[in-house]
Amino acid sequence: MRHPSPARKKRWAVYAKAPFAWPQAVLAYLSRYTHRVAISNRRLIASDETGVTFRYKDYRRDGSDRQQVMTLAVDEFIRRFLLHVLPRGFHRIRHYGLLAGSARKTSLALARQLLHVVAPVDDTAPGEPDD
């Protein structure tokens, strides 16, 4: 396995938050990202046959001036909203990476080999399927 040269030259710092206190907190955290729509109801100000008025953040501005209001024609608002709807067959959550179920054992074995680390005696966490 080869490491990209630019990544080796960067200074890295690992940031890890404390674990969640209970399963409901994990569910609440994940659901904010996996089951939300493109715009929340609280950002919608008004709508009628001529347009939809809503609040948005203009990240080019600083401070309190960042909050802006925009009115779009109904068809343009719907067009922009539908840009956030995934086509059939696309997934919102990725199921791949170093710890993906299908390649977890192989990836971890390779990582341990490259890092010269011995695998723990009990290599599987409770409830994790063997691949």
C-alpha atoms as a PDB file:
ATOM      1  CA  MET A   1       0.000   0.000   0.000  1.00  0.00           C
ATOM      2  CA  ARG A   2       1.431   3.381  -0.983  1.00  0.00           C
ATOM      3  CA  HIS A   3       0.688   6.652   0.761  1.00  0.00           C
ATOM      4  CA  PRO A   4       0.071   9.771  -1.315  1.00  0.00           C
ATOM      5  CA  SER A   5       3.112  12.002  -1.040  1.00  0.00           C
ATOM      6  CA  PRO A   6       1.255  15.252  -0.179  1.00  0.00           C
ATOM      7  CA  ALA A   7      -0.501  13.556   2.742  1.00  0.00           C
ATOM      8  CA  ARG A   8       2.807  12.434   4.222  1.00  0.00           C
ATOM      9  CA  LYS A   9       4.126  15.990   4.209  1.00  0.00           C
ATOM     10  CA  LYS A  10       1.131  17.419   6.084  1.00  0.00           C
ATOM     11  CA  ARG A  11       1.005  17.687   9.855  1.00  0.00           C
ATOM     12  CA  TRP A  12      -1.949  15.655  11.097  1.00  0.00           C
ATOM     13  CA  ALA A  13      -3.866  15.942  14.344  1.00  0.00           C
ATOM     14  CA  VAL A  14      -6.522  13.425  15.312  1.00  0.00           C
ATOM     15  CA  TYR A  15      -9.682  14.905  16.783  1.00  0.00           C
ATOM     16  CA  ALA A  16     -11.954  12.466  18.574  1.00  0.00           C
ATOM     17  CA  LYS A  17     -15.059  13.417  20.489  1.00  0.00           C
ATOM     18  CA  ALA A  18     -16.198  11.575  23.584  1.00  0.00           C
ATOM     19  CA  PRO A  19     -18.507   8.661  22.702  1.00  0.00           C
ATOM     20  CA  PHE A  20     -22.263   9.120  22.777  1.00  0.00           C
ATOM     21  CA  ALA A  21     -23.884   8.439  26.124  1.00  0.00           C
ATOM     22  CA  TRP A  22     -26.717   6.253  24.830  1.00  0.00           C
ATOM     23  CA  PRO A  23     -28.095   4.732  21.597  1.00  0.00           C
ATOM     24  CA  GLN A  24     -30.816   7.381  21.279  1.00  0.00           C
ATOM     25  CA  ALA A  25     -28.118  10.072  20.998  1.00  0.00           C
ATOM     26  CA  VAL A  26     -26.450   8.164  18.149  1.00  0.00           C
ATOM     27  CA  LEU A  27     -29.792   7.795  16.382  1.00  0.00           C
ATOM     28  CA  ALA A  28     -30.584  11.509  16.807  1.00  0.00           C
ATOM     29  CA  TYR A  29     -27.139  12.483  15.497  1.00  0.00           C
ATOM     30  CA  LEU A  30     -27.308  10.248  12.418  1.00  0.00           C
ATOM     31  CA  SER A  31     -30.922  11.074  11.592  1.00  0.00           C
ATOM     32  CA  ARG A  32     -30.092  14.777  11.266  1.00  0.00           C
ATOM     33  CA  TYR A  33     -27.836  13.896   8.337  1.00  0.00           C
ATOM     34  CA  THR A  34     -29.607  10.958   6.753  1.00  0.00           C
ATOM     35  CA  HIS A  35     -33.278  11.924   6.923  1.00  0.00           C
ATOM     36  CA  ARG A  36     -33.410  15.661   6.493  1.00  0.00           C
ATOM     37  CA  VAL A  37     -34.676  17.501   3.451  1.00  0.00           C
ATOM     38  CA  ALA A  38     -32.984  20.292   1.532  1.00  0.00           C
ATOM     39  CA  ILE A  39     -34.732  23.060   3.491  1.00  0.00           C
ATOM     40  CA  SER A  40     -36.364  23.007   6.912  1.00  0.00           C
ATOM     41  CA  ASN A  41     -39.834  24.393   7.603  1.00  0.00           C
ATOM     42  CA  ARG A  42     -38.435  27.055   9.929  1.00  0.00           C
ATOM     43  CA  ARG A  43     -36.530  28.616   7.009  1.00  0.00           C
ATOM     44  CA  LEU A  44     -39.697  28.956   4.909  1.00  0.00           C
ATOM     45  CA  ILE A  45     -41.234  32.390   5.432  1.00  0.00           C
ATOM     46  CA  ALA A  46     -44.084  32.602   2.915  1.00  0.00           C
ATOM     47  CA  SER A  47     -45.437  31.050  -0.247  1.00  0.00           C
ATOM     48  CA  ASP A  48     -48.173  31.876  -2.724  1.00  0.00           C
ATOM     49  CA  GLU A  49     -48.829  31.445  -6.453  1.00  0.00           C
ATOM     50  CA  THR A  50     -46.095  33.953  -7.345  1.00  0.00           C
ATOM     51  CA  GLY A  51     -43.218  32.596  -5.296  1.00  0.00           C
ATOM     52  CA  VAL A  52     -41.611  31.060  -2.226  1.00  0.00           C
ATOM     53  CA  THR A  53     -39.797  33.265   0.296  1.00  0.00           C
ATOM     54  CA  PHE A  54     -37.192  31.703   2.561  1.00  0.00           C
ATOM     55  CA  ARG A  55     -34.159  32.451   4.725  1.00  0.00           C
ATOM     56  CA  TYR A  56     -30.649  31.367   3.730  1.00  0.00           C
ATOM     57  CA  LYS A  57     -27.055  31.976   4.801  1.00  0.00           C
ATOM     58  CA  ASP A  58     -24.785  33.924   2.476  1.00  0.00           C
ATOM     59  CA  TYR A  59     -21.350  32.601   3.456  1.00  0.00           C
ATOM     60  CA  ARG A  60     -19.625  35.407   1.549  1.00  0.00           C
ATOM     61  CA  ARG A  61     -20.855  37.861   4.207  1.00  0.00           C
ATOM     62  CA  ASP A  62     -19.729  38.163   7.820  1.00  0.00           C
ATOM     63  CA  GLY A  63     -21.594  38.223  11.116  1.00  0.00           C
ATOM     64  CA  SER A  64     -25.284  38.989  11.433  1.00  0.00           C
ATOM     65  CA  ASP A  65     -25.396  40.163   7.810  1.00  0.00           C
ATOM     66  CA  ARG A  66     -25.012  36.512   6.765  1.00  0.00           C
ATOM     67  CA  GLN A  67     -28.748  35.750   7.175  1.00  0.00           C
ATOM     68  CA  GLN A  68     -30.542  36.771   3.975  1.00  0.00           C
ATOM     69  CA  VAL A  69     -34.057  36.443   2.563  1.00  0.00           C
ATOM     70  CA  MET A  70     -34.800  35.369  -0.997  1.00  0.00           C
ATOM     71  CA  THR A  71     -37.976  34.936  -3.024  1.00  0.00           C
ATOM     72  CA  LEU A  72     -37.955  32.546  -5.959  1.00  0.00           C
ATOM     73  CA  ALA A  73     -40.641  31.758  -8.497  1.00  0.00           C
ATOM     74  CA  VAL A  74     -42.430  28.546  -7.543  1.00  0.00           C
ATOM     75  CA  ASP A  75     -41.041  26.554 -10.486  1.00  0.00           C
ATOM     76  CA  GLU A  76     -37.464  27.698  -9.752  1.00  0.00           C
ATOM     77  CA  PHE A  77     -37.823  26.847  -6.047  1.00  0.00           C
ATOM     78  CA  ILE A  78     -39.089  23.363  -6.927  1.00  0.00           C
ATOM     79  CA  ARG A  79     -36.294  22.900  -9.487  1.00  0.00           C
ATOM     80  CA  ARG A  80     -33.646  23.778  -6.885  1.00  0.00           C
ATOM     81  CA  PHE A  81     -35.320  21.619  -4.235  1.00  0.00           C
ATOM     82  CA  LEU A  82     -35.397  18.605  -6.559  1.00  0.00           C
ATOM     83  CA  LEU A  83     -31.639  18.906  -7.141  1.00  0.00           C
ATOM     84  CA  HIS A  84     -31.333  17.445  -3.623  1.00  0.00           C
ATOM     85  CA  VAL A  85     -33.499  14.386  -4.348  1.00  0.00           C
ATOM     86  CA  LEU A  86     -31.355  11.367  -5.105  1.00  0.00           C
ATOM     87  CA  PRO A  87     -32.083   9.389  -8.276  1.00  0.00           C
ATOM     88  CA  ARG A  88     -33.449   5.871  -7.888  1.00  0.00           C
ATOM     89  CA  GLY A  89     -30.690   3.455  -6.927  1.00  0.00           C
ATOM     90  CA  PHE A  90     -28.409   6.088  -5.371  1.00  0.00           C
ATOM     91  CA  HIS A  91     -27.593   5.818  -1.669  1.00  0.00           C
ATOM     92  CA  ARG A  92     -27.298   8.701   0.767  1.00  0.00           C
ATOM     93  CA  ILE A  93     -25.012   6.751   3.102  1.00  0.00           C
ATOM     94  CA  ARG A  94     -21.752   5.257   1.890  1.00  0.00           C
ATOM     95  CA  HIS A  95     -21.038   1.659   2.803  1.00  0.00           C
ATOM     96  CA  TYR A  96     -17.360   1.466   1.980  1.00  0.00           C
ATOM     97  CA  GLY A  97     -14.010   2.367   3.431  1.00  0.00           C
ATOM     98  CA  LEU A  98     -11.441   0.785   5.705  1.00  0.00           C
ATOM     99  CA  LEU A  99     -14.044  -0.620   8.089  1.00  0.00           C
ATOM    100  CA  ALA A 100     -16.738  -1.530   5.533  1.00  0.00           C
ATOM    101  CA  GLY A 101     -18.228  -4.926   6.282  1.00  0.00           C
ATOM    102  CA  SER A 102     -17.237  -6.540   3.009  1.00  0.00           C
ATOM    103  CA  ALA A 103     -13.530  -5.745   3.360  1.00  0.00           C
ATOM    104  CA  ARG A 104     -13.066  -5.143   7.098  1.00  0.00           C
ATOM    105  CA  LYS A 105     -10.959  -8.218   7.895  1.00  0.00           C
ATOM    106  CA  THR A 106      -8.683  -7.794   4.882  1.00  0.00           C
ATOM    107  CA  SER A 107      -8.275  -4.040   5.428  1.00  0.00           C
ATOM    108  CA  LEU A 108      -7.532  -4.397   9.142  1.00  0.00           C
ATOM    109  CA  ALA A 109      -5.043  -7.206   8.505  1.00  0.00           C
ATOM    110  CA  LEU A 110      -3.227  -5.067   5.930  1.00  0.00           C
ATOM    111  CA  ALA A 111      -3.257  -2.016   8.232  1.00  0.00           C
ATOM    112  CA  ARG A 112      -1.847  -4.085  11.107  1.00  0.00           C
ATOM    113  CA  GLN A 113       0.832  -5.524   8.841  1.00  0.00           C
ATOM    114  CA  LEU A 114       1.868  -2.067   7.612  1.00  0.00           C
ATOM    115  CA  LEU A 115       1.867  -0.671  11.153  1.00  0.00           C
ATOM    116  CA  HIS A 116       3.590  -3.753  12.607  1.00  0.00           C
ATOM    117  CA  VAL A 117       0.765  -4.286  15.100  1.00  0.00           C
ATOM    118  CA  VAL A 118      -0.367  -7.685  16.344  1.00  0.00           C
ATOM    119  CA  ALA A 119      -4.093  -8.362  16.187  1.00  0.00           C
ATOM    120  CA  PRO A 120      -5.838  -8.662  19.561  1.00  0.00           C
ATOM    121  CA  VAL A 121      -6.913 -12.139  20.668  1.00  0.00           C
ATOM    122  CA  ASP A 122     -10.627 -11.330  20.298  1.00  0.00           C
ATOM    123  CA  ASP A 123     -10.687  -9.463  16.978  1.00  0.00           C
ATOM    124  CA  THR A 124     -14.469  -9.218  16.620  1.00  0.00           C
ATOM    125  CA  ALA A 125     -16.693  -6.878  18.569  1.00  0.00           C
ATOM    126  CA  PRO A 126     -19.977  -8.295  19.886  1.00  0.00           C
ATOM    127  CA  GLY A 127     -22.689  -8.247  17.266  1.00  0.00           C
ATOM    128  CA  GLU A 128     -20.359  -7.772  14.300  1.00  0.00           C
ATOM    129  CA  PRO A 129     -20.757 -10.400  11.586  1.00  0.00           C
ATOM    130  CA  ASP A 130     -17.787 -12.370  10.319  1.00  0.00           C
ATOM    131  CA  ASP A 131     -17.093 -11.503   6.698  1.00  0.00           C
END
